[in-house]
Protein backbone atom coordinates (compact mmCIF):
# COMPACT_ATOMS: atom_id res chain seq x y z
CA MET A 1 -25.94 23.41 -53.75
CA GLN A 2 -25.32 19.67 -53.64
CA SER A 3 -22.76 18.33 -56.12
CA VAL A 4 -23.45 15.22 -58.20
CA ASN A 5 -20.75 12.62 -58.76
CA PRO A 6 -20.85 11.83 -62.50
CA VAL A 7 -19.58 8.28 -61.87
CA ASN A 8 -22.32 7.54 -59.34
CA GLU A 9 -24.86 9.13 -61.65
CA ALA A 10 -23.73 6.85 -64.47
CA ASN A 11 -23.84 3.80 -62.18
CA ALA A 12 -27.31 4.71 -61.01
CA ALA A 13 -28.46 5.11 -64.57
CA HIS A 14 -26.96 1.73 -65.44
CA VAL A 15 -28.62 0.04 -62.42
CA GLY A 16 -31.93 1.66 -63.25
CA SER A 17 -31.65 0.52 -66.85
CA ALA A 18 -30.82 -3.04 -65.75
CA ALA A 19 -33.76 -3.04 -63.34
CA ASN A 20 -36.07 -1.90 -66.12
CA VAL A 21 -34.77 -4.63 -68.41
CA ALA A 22 -35.21 -7.27 -65.65
CA HIS A 23 -38.71 -6.01 -64.89
CA ALA A 24 -39.62 -6.10 -68.57
CA ALA A 25 -38.24 -9.63 -68.92
CA HIS A 26 -40.19 -10.77 -65.84
CA ALA A 27 -43.36 -9.16 -67.15
CA ALA A 28 -42.85 -10.77 -70.54
CA HIS A 29 -42.34 -14.17 -68.87
CA ALA A 30 -45.48 -13.68 -66.77
CA ASP A 31 -47.44 -12.71 -69.90
CA GLU A 32 -46.07 -15.77 -71.67
CA GLN A 33 -47.16 -18.04 -68.79
CA SER A 34 -50.55 -16.36 -68.65
CA ALA A 35 -50.94 -16.81 -72.39
CA ALA A 36 -50.07 -20.51 -72.09
CA LEU A 37 -52.70 -20.94 -69.41
CA SER A 38 -55.27 -18.85 -71.23
CA GLU A 39 -55.14 -20.73 -74.50
CA ASP A 40 -58.46 -22.40 -75.17
CA ARG A 41 -56.91 -25.66 -76.30
CA VAL A 42 -56.59 -29.30 -75.33
CA HIS A 43 -53.30 -30.40 -73.73
CA THR A 44 -51.92 -33.93 -74.12
CA SER A 45 -48.94 -33.33 -71.80
CA TRP A 46 -48.05 -30.91 -69.01
CA ASP A 47 -46.79 -28.21 -71.39
CA PHE A 48 -48.15 -25.29 -69.39
CA ALA A 49 -47.11 -23.29 -66.31
CA GLU A 50 -47.60 -24.19 -62.67
CA LEU A 51 -51.20 -24.39 -61.47
CA PRO A 52 -51.53 -22.16 -58.38
CA GLU A 53 -54.30 -22.40 -55.79
CA LEU A 54 -56.11 -19.53 -57.53
CA LEU A 55 -55.69 -18.89 -61.23
CA GLU A 56 -56.49 -16.08 -63.64
CA ILE A 57 -57.05 -17.12 -67.24
CA ARG A 58 -58.26 -15.37 -70.37
CA ARG A 59 -60.99 -17.07 -72.28
CA LYS A 60 -62.76 -15.58 -75.31
CA GLY A 61 -61.76 -12.03 -74.37
CA GLN A 62 -62.78 -12.42 -70.73
CA VAL A 63 -60.58 -12.66 -67.64
CA LEU A 64 -61.69 -15.49 -65.37
CA VAL A 65 -60.40 -16.04 -61.82
CA GLY A 66 -61.08 -19.18 -59.81
CA PHE A 67 -59.91 -22.57 -58.61
CA PRO A 68 -58.12 -24.34 -61.46
CA ALA A 69 -58.81 -27.84 -62.74
CA LEU A 70 -57.59 -29.95 -65.63
CA VAL A 71 -60.86 -31.01 -67.21
CA ASP A 72 -60.93 -34.30 -69.12
CA GLN A 73 -61.77 -33.84 -72.81
CA GLY A 74 -61.18 -37.44 -73.89
CA SER A 75 -58.25 -36.70 -76.19
CA GLY A 76 -56.55 -34.52 -73.57
CA VAL A 77 -57.33 -31.93 -70.89
CA ARG A 78 -58.41 -28.31 -70.88
CA ILE A 79 -57.60 -25.81 -68.13
CA GLU A 80 -60.74 -24.38 -66.54
CA VAL A 81 -61.45 -22.36 -63.38
CA PHE A 82 -64.36 -22.82 -60.96
CA ASP A 83 -65.99 -20.72 -58.26
CA GLU A 84 -65.66 -23.36 -55.54
CA PRO A 85 -62.87 -25.87 -54.77
CA GLU A 86 -65.53 -28.56 -54.29
CA GLN A 87 -66.40 -28.14 -57.97
CA ALA A 88 -62.80 -28.14 -59.16
CA GLN A 89 -61.31 -31.02 -57.15
CA PRO A 90 -63.18 -34.05 -58.55
CA LEU A 91 -62.85 -32.75 -62.12
CA HIS A 92 -59.15 -32.09 -61.57
CA ARG A 93 -58.55 -35.70 -60.47
CA GLN A 94 -60.32 -36.95 -63.59
CA GLY A 95 -58.21 -34.64 -65.73
CA LEU A 96 -54.97 -35.74 -64.07
CA ARG A 97 -55.97 -39.35 -64.63
CA ARG A 98 -56.48 -38.63 -68.34
CA LEU A 99 -53.14 -36.82 -68.62
CA ILE A 100 -51.34 -39.70 -66.90
CA ALA A 101 -53.01 -42.24 -69.19
CA LEU A 102 -51.75 -40.31 -72.21
CA GLN A 103 -48.15 -40.63 -70.94
CA ILE A 104 -48.34 -44.43 -70.47
CA ARG A 105 -50.31 -45.52 -73.54
CA GLU A 106 -48.51 -48.84 -74.14
CA PRO A 107 -48.50 -50.11 -70.53
CA LEU A 108 -52.17 -49.17 -70.31
CA LYS A 109 -53.04 -51.06 -73.51
CA PHE A 110 -51.30 -54.15 -72.12
CA LEU A 111 -53.17 -53.83 -68.82
CA GLU A 112 -56.56 -53.41 -70.49
CA LYS A 113 -56.04 -56.70 -72.34
CA ASN A 114 -54.69 -58.63 -69.35
CA ILE A 115 -57.01 -58.03 -66.39
CA ALA A 116 -57.18 -61.36 -64.56
CA ASP A 117 -60.59 -63.13 -64.56
CA LEU A 118 -62.30 -60.21 -66.28
CA GLN A 119 -64.74 -62.39 -68.22
CA ARG A 120 -65.77 -64.30 -65.10
CA MET A 121 -66.28 -61.04 -63.20
CA ALA A 122 -68.22 -59.59 -66.15
CA VAL A 123 -70.78 -62.38 -65.84
CA ALA A 124 -71.42 -61.44 -62.20
CA TYR A 125 -71.47 -57.76 -63.18
CA MET A 126 -74.06 -58.28 -65.97
CA PRO A 127 -77.07 -57.15 -63.86
CA LEU A 128 -75.25 -53.82 -63.37
CA GLY A 129 -73.45 -53.15 -66.65
CA THR A 130 -71.17 -54.34 -69.43
CA GLU A 131 -67.71 -55.92 -69.40
CA GLN A 132 -66.25 -52.74 -70.92
CA GLU A 133 -67.75 -50.61 -68.14
CA LEU A 134 -66.25 -52.93 -65.54
CA ARG A 135 -62.85 -52.83 -67.27
CA GLU A 136 -62.90 -49.02 -67.37
CA GLN A 137 -63.62 -48.85 -63.64
CA ILE A 138 -60.82 -51.28 -62.78
CA ILE A 139 -58.40 -49.17 -64.86
CA GLN A 140 -59.66 -45.94 -63.29
CA VAL A 141 -59.26 -47.15 -59.70
CA SER A 142 -55.85 -48.65 -60.55
CA LEU A 143 -54.63 -45.32 -61.94
CA ASP A 144 -55.92 -43.52 -58.85
CA ARG A 145 -54.22 -45.99 -56.50
CA ALA A 146 -50.92 -46.09 -58.42
CA PHE A 147 -50.56 -42.39 -59.23
CA LEU A 148 -53.00 -40.19 -57.30
CA ALA A 149 -53.08 -41.62 -53.78
CA GLU A 150 -50.80 -38.92 -52.33
CA VAL A 151 -50.02 -35.24 -53.03
CA LEU A 152 -51.22 -34.13 -56.45
CA PRO A 153 -48.72 -32.45 -58.82
CA SER A 154 -48.88 -28.72 -59.48
CA ASP A 155 -46.21 -28.28 -62.17
CA ALA A 156 -44.47 -30.15 -64.99
CA SER A 157 -41.58 -31.50 -62.92
CA SER A 158 -43.75 -32.89 -60.10
CA PHE A 159 -46.07 -34.41 -62.71
CA ALA A 160 -43.13 -36.10 -64.46
CA ARG A 161 -41.91 -37.53 -61.12
CA LEU A 162 -45.40 -38.81 -60.31
CA VAL A 163 -45.63 -40.63 -63.67
CA GLU A 164 -42.22 -42.25 -63.25
CA GLN A 165 -42.88 -43.32 -59.66
CA GLY A 166 -46.31 -44.76 -60.41
CA ARG A 167 -45.47 -46.58 -63.64
CA PRO A 168 -43.75 -49.63 -62.01
CA ARG A 169 -46.58 -49.97 -59.44
CA LEU A 170 -49.44 -50.03 -61.92
CA ASN A 171 -49.68 -53.76 -62.72
CA LEU A 172 -49.47 -54.88 -59.10
CA VAL A 173 -52.06 -52.29 -58.06
CA ALA A 174 -54.36 -53.39 -60.90
CA GLN A 175 -54.13 -57.02 -59.75
CA GLU A 176 -55.16 -55.94 -56.25
CA VAL A 177 -58.10 -53.88 -57.58
CA ALA A 178 -59.29 -56.70 -59.86
CA ARG A 179 -59.03 -59.25 -57.04
CA LEU A 180 -61.14 -57.04 -54.75
CA ALA A 181 -63.68 -56.39 -57.52
CA GLY A 182 -64.04 -60.15 -58.05
CA GLN A 183 -64.52 -60.73 -54.33
CA VAL A 184 -67.17 -58.01 -54.05
CA LEU A 185 -69.08 -59.31 -57.09
CA ALA A 186 -69.00 -62.89 -55.80
CA GLU A 187 -70.34 -61.85 -52.37
CA HIS A 188 -72.99 -59.69 -54.02
CA ALA A 189 -74.15 -62.60 -56.20
CA ALA A 190 -74.39 -64.80 -53.08
CA ALA A 191 -76.45 -62.17 -51.25
CA VAL A 192 -78.80 -61.69 -54.21
CA ARG A 193 -79.35 -65.47 -54.50
CA LYS A 194 -79.98 -65.78 -50.77
CA LEU A 195 -82.50 -62.94 -50.84
CA ARG A 196 -84.24 -64.31 -53.93
CA ASP A 197 -84.66 -67.79 -52.42
CA ALA A 198 -85.81 -66.60 -48.99
CA ARG A 199 -89.40 -65.84 -48.10
CA LEU A 200 -88.99 -62.75 -46.03
CA PRO A 201 -91.54 -60.23 -44.72
CA LYS A 202 -92.07 -57.42 -47.20
CA GLU A 203 -90.44 -54.77 -44.97
CA THR A 204 -87.29 -56.86 -44.50
CA GLN A 205 -87.11 -57.76 -48.18
CA GLU A 206 -87.40 -54.13 -49.25
CA ASP A 207 -84.85 -52.99 -46.67
CA ILE A 208 -82.23 -55.47 -47.87
CA GLN A 209 -82.92 -54.73 -51.53
CA ALA A 210 -82.41 -51.00 -50.90
CA GLN A 211 -79.17 -51.73 -49.04
CA LEU A 212 -77.83 -53.87 -51.90
CA GLN A 213 -78.68 -51.16 -54.43
CA ARG A 214 -76.79 -48.57 -52.37
CA LEU A 215 -73.75 -50.82 -51.97
CA LEU A 216 -73.48 -51.94 -55.58
CA GLY A 217 -74.58 -49.41 -58.14
CA LYS A 218 -73.37 -49.50 -61.72
CA ARG A 219 -70.20 -47.57 -60.80
CA PHE A 220 -69.57 -49.11 -57.39
CA LEU A 221 -65.83 -49.55 -58.03
CA SER A 222 -65.11 -45.95 -59.02
CA ASP A 223 -67.70 -44.30 -56.74
CA THR A 224 -66.84 -46.09 -53.48
CA PRO A 225 -63.83 -44.74 -51.54
CA TRP A 226 -61.02 -47.30 -51.40
CA LEU A 227 -61.23 -47.78 -47.63
CA GLN A 228 -64.94 -48.60 -47.81
CA LEU A 229 -64.52 -50.64 -51.00
CA GLN A 230 -62.35 -53.02 -48.98
CA GLN A 231 -65.23 -53.43 -46.51
CA LEU A 232 -67.92 -54.28 -49.09
CA PRO A 233 -67.34 -58.08 -48.90
CA ARG A 234 -67.99 -57.95 -45.14
CA TYR A 235 -71.14 -55.86 -45.57
CA LEU A 236 -72.42 -58.34 -48.16
CA LYS A 237 -71.59 -61.36 -45.97
CA ALA A 238 -73.59 -59.63 -43.23
CA VAL A 239 -76.63 -59.61 -45.55
CA VAL A 240 -76.40 -63.39 -46.03
CA LEU A 241 -76.07 -63.97 -42.29
CA ARG A 242 -79.02 -61.68 -41.61
CA VAL A 243 -81.27 -63.64 -43.96
CA ASP A 244 -80.27 -66.93 -42.28
CA LYS A 245 -80.90 -65.51 -38.82
CA GLN A 246 -84.22 -63.98 -39.82
CA ARG A 247 -85.58 -67.43 -40.57
CA ALA A 248 -84.76 -68.54 -37.03
CA ASP A 249 -85.92 -65.36 -35.25
CA ALA A 250 -88.03 -63.01 -37.34
CA VAL A 251 -89.13 -60.97 -34.30
CA ARG A 252 -85.54 -60.14 -33.38
CA ASP A 253 -84.83 -58.99 -36.95
CA GLN A 254 -87.84 -56.69 -36.90
CA GLN A 255 -86.76 -55.21 -33.56
CA ARG A 256 -83.27 -54.48 -34.85
CA LEU A 257 -84.65 -52.94 -38.03
CA ALA A 258 -86.90 -50.69 -35.94
CA GLU A 259 -83.79 -49.47 -34.06
CA LEU A 260 -81.92 -48.76 -37.29
CA ARG A 261 -84.68 -47.16 -39.31
CA PRO A 262 -84.98 -43.70 -37.63
CA LEU A 263 -81.23 -43.06 -38.09
CA GLU A 264 -81.29 -44.19 -41.69
CA GLN A 265 -84.36 -42.10 -42.51
CA ARG A 266 -82.68 -38.97 -41.12
CA TRP A 267 -79.66 -39.66 -43.29
CA LEU A 268 -81.80 -40.21 -46.40
CA ARG A 269 -83.81 -37.03 -45.81
CA ARG A 270 -80.64 -34.98 -45.41
CA LEU A 271 -79.19 -36.57 -48.55
CA GLN A 272 -82.26 -35.52 -50.53
CA GLU A 273 -82.04 -31.97 -49.17
CA LEU A 274 -78.45 -31.63 -50.44
CA ARG A 275 -79.56 -32.44 -54.03
CA GLY A 276 -76.26 -33.96 -55.07
CA ARG A 277 -73.96 -31.59 -53.16
CA ARG A 278 -71.15 -33.34 -51.27
CA ASP A 279 -71.04 -33.41 -47.49
CA GLU A 280 -68.08 -35.32 -46.07
CA ARG A 281 -69.65 -35.78 -42.64
CA LEU A 282 -72.81 -37.18 -44.19
CA GLU A 283 -70.72 -39.61 -46.26
CA GLU A 284 -68.91 -40.75 -43.12
CA PHE A 285 -72.29 -41.25 -41.41
CA ARG A 286 -73.47 -43.39 -44.33
CA TRP A 287 -70.63 -45.85 -43.70
CA LEU A 288 -71.27 -45.80 -39.96
CA LEU A 289 -74.79 -46.95 -40.79
CA GLU A 290 -73.34 -49.91 -42.69
CA GLU A 291 -71.18 -50.78 -39.69
CA LEU A 292 -74.25 -50.52 -37.48
CA ARG A 293 -76.01 -53.03 -39.73
CA VAL A 294 -73.14 -55.46 -39.21
CA SER A 295 -73.35 -54.93 -35.45
CA LEU A 296 -77.13 -55.40 -35.36
CA PHE A 297 -77.60 -58.28 -37.81
CA ALA A 298 -74.24 -60.10 -38.06
CA GLN A 299 -72.27 -59.26 -34.95
CA GLU A 300 -69.90 -62.22 -35.41
CA LEU A 301 -68.32 -60.43 -38.39
CA ARG A 302 -67.20 -57.67 -36.01
CA THR A 303 -66.66 -53.97 -36.76
CA PRO A 304 -63.38 -51.97 -36.88
CA GLN A 305 -64.69 -49.64 -34.18
CA PRO A 306 -67.47 -49.80 -31.59
CA VAL A 307 -70.84 -48.83 -33.05
CA SER A 308 -74.32 -48.70 -31.56
CA VAL A 309 -77.56 -46.83 -32.03
CA LYS A 310 -76.66 -44.58 -29.08
CA ARG A 311 -73.22 -43.76 -30.53
CA LEU A 312 -74.70 -42.85 -33.92
CA GLU A 313 -77.35 -40.69 -32.23
CA LYS A 314 -74.49 -38.71 -30.64
CA VAL A 315 -72.66 -38.43 -33.98
CA TRP A 316 -75.82 -37.14 -35.65
CA ALA A 317 -76.39 -34.57 -32.89
CA GLN A 318 -72.81 -33.30 -33.32
CA MET A 319 -73.36 -33.00 -37.07
CA GLN A 320 -76.40 -30.79 -36.49
CA ALA A 321 -74.70 -28.56 -33.92
């Protein structure tokens, strides 16, 4: 019969008791974090636990599991989960932007009142929207560029660091965004005037009008990726050059349009089939089409990379593979 050392037995009991206490404390902490994330309330600061890649929350008696996002509620953000990351990501960026704005209220108020040349830009923007809508887009893009251009925060400490690092950059970034917005609007106004005053064939007129509508919708600043936003002035200059060249050689313009059209029609058909769903490769192809327009109609403006009808045919074939 094996003997039991009473000292070891006591130690074992003590260790087991400590382990139970530690486990209970950990479980209580986990429940506390889960409760904080499950509360159906609006947050005005990052006063909740870390947001993991997948999150379980309790909402109205139900347990929901999905990809988390901070969803903008105007006065703050609410934690929600979504079935697909593609659903969560854009909403999460909007929510982060709102949460950041709530931490820098005074600097943001100053910026809203001191956007350079806003009234002049608003006049050029009038066919698209109001001065307030333009201001909101400049602020939105500035916040994205100053705070959300790199790795997004996942907990309170990384969020606090992001706010402190971005705060001193905000005004300079906003000046850059406003300057680019003014340049785009000026080039757009010049292209619209040129098109209005020219007597072009119906097909050419309609093609350019459709291009201008795609390039500058009501939310062109916030909807256009920053890299492509920087290229808009060149695309718009290309429109002006095309109109001038068309007057001198209408046959050449029609030939180039005939080369472009099949590629563009494929892109438009695929876009309609997606019914609003995002496709990164299709978005990249859209901007390749704009570069192809520069190459076909205003080659002197040059393109960042070689483009041709044949090259885009190959890209399209790879996308379908």
